[in-house]
Amino acid sequence: MKIKTSPNVYEPREDTYLLLDVVKRLKANKALEIGIGTGIISLYLARNCREVHGVDINPEVINLAKQNAKINGIRNVKFWISDLFSNVKDTYDLIIFNPPYIPGKAKKEIEKSWAGGKNGREIIENFLRNVRNYLQPNGKFFILVSSFNNPEYLIEKYSLKIVKNTSLFFEKLFVLEGYK
């Protein structure tokens, strides 16, 4: 797959590829990705899902993801602007989120792609409090978190399970799964 990048859009990195390794073979009637970056995860999902929607708060991200869909001839994806679920009206079989998870506050637009607030959990917990409202019966979701986010706390509080993890030199990344 060909992926065009931009200096103002979060490029696929270790976290993206860990999450992608989990979700690229999943099948669903309708899937949603939140925080799409270049759109790479949505585009891989489109191979096995009838319909894929992707949302992000950054208009430049939306434009780049649309370009990447066109470059790769993928037509069963739709991208639009939304701050998490603010402009999401449907329910889904599958929801994917690679959130901003690094502790800190964003000062520039690009920093919104990695700065997750205090403990790096503000956006994660906002997502986890609301995601089940957007899942169809028997729907599931996957979210990536870091050792910075106290994954044990998140697992217990939100009834999640670890499906994959990897260690980097400064942190450990986890893909967590949850259900409706």
Protein backbone atom coordinates (compact mmCIF):
# COMPACT_ATOMS: atom_id res chain seq x y z
CA MET A 1 0.00 0.00 0.00
CA LYS A 2 1.26 3.47 -0.86
CA ILE A 3 0.93 6.06 1.93
CA LYS A 4 1.59 9.73 1.41
CA THR A 5 2.70 11.62 4.54
CA SER A 6 2.86 15.26 5.64
CA PRO A 7 4.92 17.08 8.28
CA ASN A 8 1.67 18.21 9.96
CA VAL A 9 0.15 14.72 10.22
CA TYR A 10 1.21 11.93 12.58
CA GLU A 11 3.17 9.43 10.50
CA PRO A 12 2.80 5.68 11.01
CA ARG A 13 5.20 4.55 13.74
CA GLU A 14 5.62 1.58 16.07
CA ASP A 15 2.26 2.24 17.74
CA THR A 16 0.46 2.42 14.39
CA TYR A 17 2.04 -0.81 13.16
CA LEU A 18 1.28 -2.67 16.40
CA LEU A 19 -2.38 -1.70 16.17
CA LEU A 20 -2.43 -2.41 12.45
CA ASP A 21 -1.06 -5.91 13.05
CA VAL A 22 -4.09 -6.63 15.24
CA VAL A 23 -6.81 -5.05 13.11
CA LYS A 24 -5.78 -5.56 9.47
CA ARG A 25 -7.35 -9.01 9.29
CA LEU A 26 -10.55 -8.15 11.17
CA LYS A 27 -13.84 -8.31 9.33
CA ALA A 28 -16.86 -6.14 9.96
CA ASN A 29 -19.89 -4.86 8.17
CA LYS A 30 -19.21 -1.30 9.34
CA ALA A 31 -16.03 -0.05 11.05
CA LEU A 32 -14.98 3.30 12.50
CA GLU A 33 -11.47 4.58 13.10
CA ILE A 34 -11.00 7.58 15.35
CA GLY A 35 -7.81 9.63 15.03
CA ILE A 36 -6.93 8.47 11.52
CA GLY A 37 -3.56 10.11 10.88
CA THR A 38 -2.57 9.17 7.33
CA GLY A 39 -5.56 6.83 7.11
CA ILE A 40 -3.41 3.69 6.91
CA ILE A 41 -5.48 1.69 9.42
CA SER A 42 -8.79 2.66 7.79
CA LEU A 43 -7.42 1.73 4.38
CA TYR A 44 -6.33 -1.72 5.58
CA LEU A 45 -9.70 -2.19 7.29
CA ALA A 46 -11.41 -1.38 3.98
CA ARG A 47 -9.98 -4.60 2.53
CA ASN A 48 -12.11 -6.74 4.88
CA CYS A 49 -14.99 -4.45 5.84
CA ARG A 50 -17.96 -3.49 3.74
CA GLU A 51 -17.84 0.14 4.90
CA VAL A 52 -15.21 2.10 6.86
CA HIS A 53 -15.58 5.54 8.39
CA GLY A 54 -12.67 7.58 9.74
CA VAL A 55 -12.70 10.75 11.80
CA ASP A 56 -10.12 13.21 13.10
CA ILE A 57 -10.07 16.73 14.56
CA ASN A 58 -7.48 17.97 12.05
CA PRO A 59 -8.78 18.99 8.57
CA GLU A 60 -5.32 18.39 7.04
CA VAL A 61 -5.48 14.80 8.28
CA ILE A 62 -8.85 14.30 6.58
CA ASN A 63 -7.49 15.63 3.28
CA LEU A 64 -4.39 13.44 3.44
CA ALA A 65 -6.43 10.31 4.26
CA LYS A 66 -8.71 11.02 1.29
CA GLN A 67 -5.65 11.36 -0.95
CA ASN A 68 -4.28 8.05 0.34
CA ALA A 69 -7.59 6.33 -0.34
CA LYS A 70 -7.56 7.68 -3.89
CA ILE A 71 -3.90 6.71 -4.48
CA ASN A 72 -4.75 3.15 -3.45
CA GLY A 73 -8.07 2.96 -5.31
CA ILE A 74 -10.07 2.38 -2.12
CA ARG A 75 -13.67 3.55 -2.39
CA ASN A 76 -15.46 2.07 0.61
CA VAL A 77 -14.09 4.62 3.09
CA LYS A 78 -15.48 7.99 4.17
CA PHE A 79 -13.53 10.53 6.22
CA TRP A 80 -14.81 13.60 8.07
CA ILE A 81 -13.95 15.95 10.93
CA SER A 82 -14.99 14.95 14.43
CA ASP A 83 -13.58 15.44 17.92
CA LEU A 84 -13.89 11.83 19.07
CA PHE A 85 -17.62 11.07 18.70
CA SER A 86 -18.88 14.68 18.35
CA ASN A 87 -19.89 14.23 14.67
CA VAL A 88 -20.48 10.47 14.70
CA LYS A 89 -24.14 9.49 14.33
CA ASP A 90 -24.00 5.77 13.47
CA THR A 91 -23.21 2.59 15.39
CA TYR A 92 -20.50 0.16 14.34
CA ASP A 93 -19.45 -3.47 14.56
CA LEU A 94 -15.84 -2.39 15.07
CA ILE A 95 -14.18 0.78 16.40
CA ILE A 96 -10.42 1.43 16.36
CA PHE A 97 -8.51 4.20 18.15
CA ASN A 98 -4.81 5.03 18.33
CA PRO A 99 -5.19 7.97 20.72
CA PRO A 100 -2.85 10.70 21.81
CA TYR A 101 -1.34 8.96 24.85
CA ILE A 102 1.84 10.84 25.79
CA PRO A 103 1.41 12.89 28.99
CA GLY A 104 1.32 16.59 28.15
CA LYS A 105 -0.77 19.39 26.71
CA ALA A 106 -0.79 20.25 22.99
CA LYS A 107 0.46 23.70 22.06
CA LYS A 108 0.62 23.18 18.27
CA GLU A 109 -1.76 21.35 15.92
CA ILE A 110 0.61 18.41 15.30
CA GLU A 111 1.01 17.92 19.07
CA LYS A 112 -2.71 17.06 19.32
CA SER A 113 -1.80 13.76 17.65
CA TRP A 114 0.32 12.62 20.61
CA ALA A 115 -0.39 14.86 23.66
CA GLY A 116 -2.95 13.03 25.80
CA GLY A 117 -3.25 15.47 28.70
CA LYS A 118 -2.51 14.69 32.34
CA ASN A 119 -1.20 11.10 32.66
CA GLY A 120 -1.80 10.80 28.92
CA ARG A 121 -5.26 9.44 29.79
CA GLU A 122 -7.66 12.35 29.35
CA ILE A 123 -8.58 11.56 25.75
CA ILE A 124 -8.33 7.80 26.32
CA GLU A 125 -10.80 7.89 29.19
CA ASN A 126 -13.16 10.21 27.31
CA PHE A 127 -13.19 7.61 24.51
CA LEU A 128 -13.64 4.69 26.91
CA ARG A 129 -16.57 6.36 28.70
CA ASN A 130 -18.42 6.79 25.39
CA VAL A 131 -17.33 4.08 22.92
CA ARG A 132 -19.93 1.49 23.91
CA ASN A 133 -22.71 3.93 22.94
CA TYR A 134 -21.46 3.71 19.33
CA LEU A 135 -21.13 -0.07 19.14
CA GLN A 136 -23.77 -2.34 17.71
CA PRO A 137 -24.80 -5.37 19.79
CA ASN A 138 -21.83 -7.76 19.90
CA GLY A 139 -19.58 -4.96 18.62
CA LYS A 140 -15.99 -4.62 19.76
CA PHE A 141 -13.28 -1.99 19.89
CA PHE A 142 -9.51 -1.82 20.03
CA ILE A 143 -7.45 0.96 21.58
CA LEU A 144 -3.73 1.40 21.84
CA VAL A 145 -2.25 2.57 25.16
CA SER A 146 1.21 3.00 26.63
CA SER A 147 2.82 2.02 29.90
CA PHE A 148 2.66 5.80 30.59
CA ASN A 149 -1.14 5.46 30.88
CA ASN A 150 -1.32 2.85 33.66
CA PRO A 151 -2.89 0.16 31.47
CA GLU A 152 -3.71 -2.04 34.49
CA TYR A 153 -6.00 0.72 35.79
CA LEU A 154 -7.69 1.08 32.38
CA ILE A 155 -8.12 -2.69 32.00
CA GLU A 156 -9.81 -3.03 35.37
CA LYS A 157 -11.96 0.13 35.23
CA TYR A 158 -13.24 -0.40 31.67
CA SER A 159 -13.29 -4.24 31.45
CA LEU A 160 -10.62 -4.56 28.75
CA LYS A 161 -8.13 -7.26 27.83
CA ILE A 162 -4.66 -7.13 26.33
CA VAL A 163 -4.49 -8.68 22.86
CA LYS A 164 -0.97 -7.64 21.87
CA ASN A 165 1.96 -5.68 23.27
CA THR A 166 5.51 -4.71 22.47
CA SER A 167 8.38 -3.14 24.36
CA LEU A 168 10.25 -0.11 23.10
CA PHE A 169 13.35 1.25 24.75
CA PHE A 170 11.38 3.83 26.76
CA GLU A 171 7.86 2.38 27.07
CA LYS A 172 5.65 -0.62 26.51
CA LEU A 173 2.69 -0.43 24.10
CA PHE A 174 -0.53 -2.40 24.50
CA VAL A 175 -3.48 -3.06 22.23
CA LEU A 176 -6.56 -3.45 24.40
CA GLU A 177 -9.87 -4.95 23.34
CA GLY A 178 -13.32 -4.19 24.69
CA TYR A 179 -16.90 -5.19 23.89
CA LYS A 180 -20.38 -3.64 23.91
